[in-house]
Amino acid sequence: MSGLLGDTAAFVGDNVGLLVQRILEHVQLSVISLVIAMLVALPVALVMDRPWMLGVGAPTWGALLGLSLLSTALGVSTKAGVTA
């Protein structure tokens, strides 16, 4: 009986996957995959790293802000066709 249940679950899963691939674009599938991976990895990372225990100061936040602004500016400029 368990073999039949497993086969049915695999069949349904495969057909749902094919249906989702036909409806969604490849970029959307990539984004969904990354978001699900992030949701799975985030609790593990929070438990293992305990970021609230770190002493993060202004230089760290400034470096993070600078990297994010630079990455965003480069992404927008290459999407608009502007090269540096």
C-alpha atoms as a PDB file:
ATOM      1  CA  MET A   1       0.000   0.000   0.000  1.00  0.00           C
ATOM      2  CA  SER A   2       2.830   2.403   0.806  1.00  0.00           C
ATOM      3  CA  GLY A   3       4.326   1.824  -2.649  1.00  0.00           C
ATOM      4  CA  LEU A   4       1.069   2.922  -4.264  1.00  0.00           C
ATOM      5  CA  LEU A   5       0.951   6.019  -2.067  1.00  0.00           C
ATOM      6  CA  GLY A   6       4.543   6.928  -2.925  1.00  0.00           C
ATOM      7  CA  ASP A   7       3.918   6.411  -6.639  1.00  0.00           C
ATOM      8  CA  THR A   8       0.809   8.570  -6.493  1.00  0.00           C
ATOM      9  CA  ALA A   9       2.665  11.341  -4.650  1.00  0.00           C
ATOM     10  CA  ALA A  10       5.495  11.231  -7.206  1.00  0.00           C
ATOM     11  CA  PHE A  11       3.033  11.340 -10.100  1.00  0.00           C
ATOM     12  CA  VAL A  12       1.157  14.309  -8.634  1.00  0.00           C
ATOM     13  CA  GLY A  13       4.400  16.112  -7.815  1.00  0.00           C
ATOM     14  CA  ASP A  14       5.757  15.652 -11.321  1.00  0.00           C
ATOM     15  CA  ASN A  15       2.561  16.870 -12.955  1.00  0.00           C
ATOM     16  CA  VAL A  16       2.316  19.891 -10.660  1.00  0.00           C
ATOM     17  CA  GLY A  17       5.950  20.699 -11.486  1.00  0.00           C
ATOM     18  CA  LEU A  18       5.251  20.496 -15.220  1.00  0.00           C
ATOM     19  CA  LEU A  19       2.177  22.692 -14.844  1.00  0.00           C
ATOM     20  CA  VAL A  20       4.105  25.290 -12.862  1.00  0.00           C
ATOM     21  CA  GLN A  21       6.902  25.290 -15.462  1.00  0.00           C
ATOM     22  CA  ARG A  22       4.404  25.979 -18.239  1.00  0.00           C
ATOM     23  CA  ILE A  23       2.735  28.835 -16.384  1.00  0.00           C
ATOM     24  CA  LEU A  24       5.742  30.606 -14.900  1.00  0.00           C
ATOM     25  CA  GLU A  25       8.736  32.052 -16.678  1.00  0.00           C
ATOM     26  CA  HIS A  26      12.243  30.772 -15.956  1.00  0.00           C
ATOM     27  CA  VAL A  27      13.138  33.925 -14.028  1.00  0.00           C
ATOM     28  CA  GLN A  28      10.102  33.544 -11.811  1.00  0.00           C
ATOM     29  CA  LEU A  29      10.995  29.923 -11.101  1.00  0.00           C
ATOM     30  CA  SER A  30      14.523  30.993 -10.167  1.00  0.00           C
ATOM     31  CA  VAL A  31      13.219  33.664  -7.800  1.00  0.00           C
ATOM     32  CA  ILE A  32      10.787  31.236  -6.175  1.00  0.00           C
ATOM     33  CA  SER A  33      13.578  28.692  -5.743  1.00  0.00           C
ATOM     34  CA  LEU A  34      15.868  31.251  -4.109  1.00  0.00           C
ATOM     35  CA  VAL A  35      13.131  32.508  -1.777  1.00  0.00           C
ATOM     36  CA  ILE A  36      12.262  28.978  -0.628  1.00  0.00           C
ATOM     37  CA  ALA A  37      15.946  28.188  -0.069  1.00  0.00           C
ATOM     38  CA  MET A  38      16.303  31.385   1.960  1.00  0.00           C
ATOM     39  CA  LEU A  39      13.272  30.520   4.081  1.00  0.00           C
ATOM     40  CA  VAL A  40      14.728  27.084   4.804  1.00  0.00           C
ATOM     41  CA  ALA A  41      18.265  28.328   5.536  1.00  0.00           C
ATOM     42  CA  LEU A  42      17.373  31.418   7.594  1.00  0.00           C
ATOM     43  CA  PRO A  43      16.254  29.637  10.795  1.00  0.00           C
ATOM     44  CA  VAL A  44      19.304  27.375  10.692  1.00  0.00           C
ATOM     45  CA  ALA A  45      21.627  30.356  10.236  1.00  0.00           C
ATOM     46  CA  LEU A  46      19.949  32.272  13.062  1.00  0.00           C
ATOM     47  CA  VAL A  47      20.254  29.351  15.472  1.00  0.00           C
ATOM     48  CA  MET A  48      23.865  28.569  14.591  1.00  0.00           C
ATOM     49  CA  ASP A  49      25.320  32.079  14.218  1.00  0.00           C
ATOM     50  CA  ARG A  50      23.278  34.001  16.821  1.00  0.00           C
ATOM     51  CA  PRO A  51      23.721  37.385  15.094  1.00  0.00           C
ATOM     52  CA  TRP A  52      22.131  39.247  18.010  1.00  0.00           C
ATOM     53  CA  MET A  53      25.185  38.337  20.108  1.00  0.00           C
ATOM     54  CA  LEU A  54      27.617  40.124  17.762  1.00  0.00           C
ATOM     55  CA  GLY A  55      28.829  43.612  18.537  1.00  0.00           C
ATOM     56  CA  VAL A  56      28.129  45.360  15.230  1.00  0.00           C
ATOM     57  CA  GLY A  57      29.226  48.976  15.038  1.00  0.00           C
ATOM     58  CA  ALA A  58      28.859  51.904  12.656  1.00  0.00           C
ATOM     59  CA  PRO A  59      31.794  50.901  10.385  1.00  0.00           C
ATOM     60  CA  THR A  60      30.162  47.526   9.714  1.00  0.00           C
ATOM     61  CA  TRP A  61      26.800  49.088   8.848  1.00  0.00           C
ATOM     62  CA  GLY A  62      28.539  51.675   6.664  1.00  0.00           C
ATOM     63  CA  ALA A  63      30.406  48.983   4.743  1.00  0.00           C
ATOM     64  CA  LEU A  64      27.197  47.001   4.251  1.00  0.00           C
ATOM     65  CA  LEU A  65      25.364  50.099   3.021  1.00  0.00           C
ATOM     66  CA  GLY A  66      28.195  51.006   0.650  1.00  0.00           C
ATOM     67  CA  LEU A  67      28.298  47.511  -0.867  1.00  0.00           C
ATOM     68  CA  SER A  68      24.537  47.406  -1.333  1.00  0.00           C
ATOM     69  CA  LEU A  69      24.446  50.836  -2.991  1.00  0.00           C
ATOM     70  CA  LEU A  70      27.341  49.951  -5.285  1.00  0.00           C
ATOM     71  CA  SER A  71      25.736  46.641  -6.288  1.00  0.00           C
ATOM     72  CA  THR A  72      22.395  48.324  -6.956  1.00  0.00           C
ATOM     73  CA  ALA A  73      24.007  51.091  -9.001  1.00  0.00           C
ATOM     74  CA  LEU A  74      25.949  48.581 -11.098  1.00  0.00           C
ATOM     75  CA  GLY A  75      22.860  46.444 -11.646  1.00  0.00           C
ATOM     76  CA  VAL A  76      20.734  49.397 -12.710  1.00  0.00           C
ATOM     77  CA  SER A  77      23.427  50.824 -14.998  1.00  0.00           C
ATOM     78  CA  THR A  78      24.013  47.503 -16.788  1.00  0.00           C
ATOM     79  CA  LYS A  79      20.269  46.911 -17.180  1.00  0.00           C
ATOM     80  CA  ALA A  80      19.865  50.368 -18.708  1.00  0.00           C
ATOM     81  CA  GLY A  81      22.704  49.685 -21.131  1.00  0.00           C
ATOM     82  CA  VAL A  82      25.122  52.092 -19.487  1.00  0.00           C
ATOM     83  CA  THR A  83      28.635  50.738 -19.059  1.00  0.00           C
ATOM     84  CA  ALA A  84      31.094  51.985 -16.522  1.00  0.00           C
END
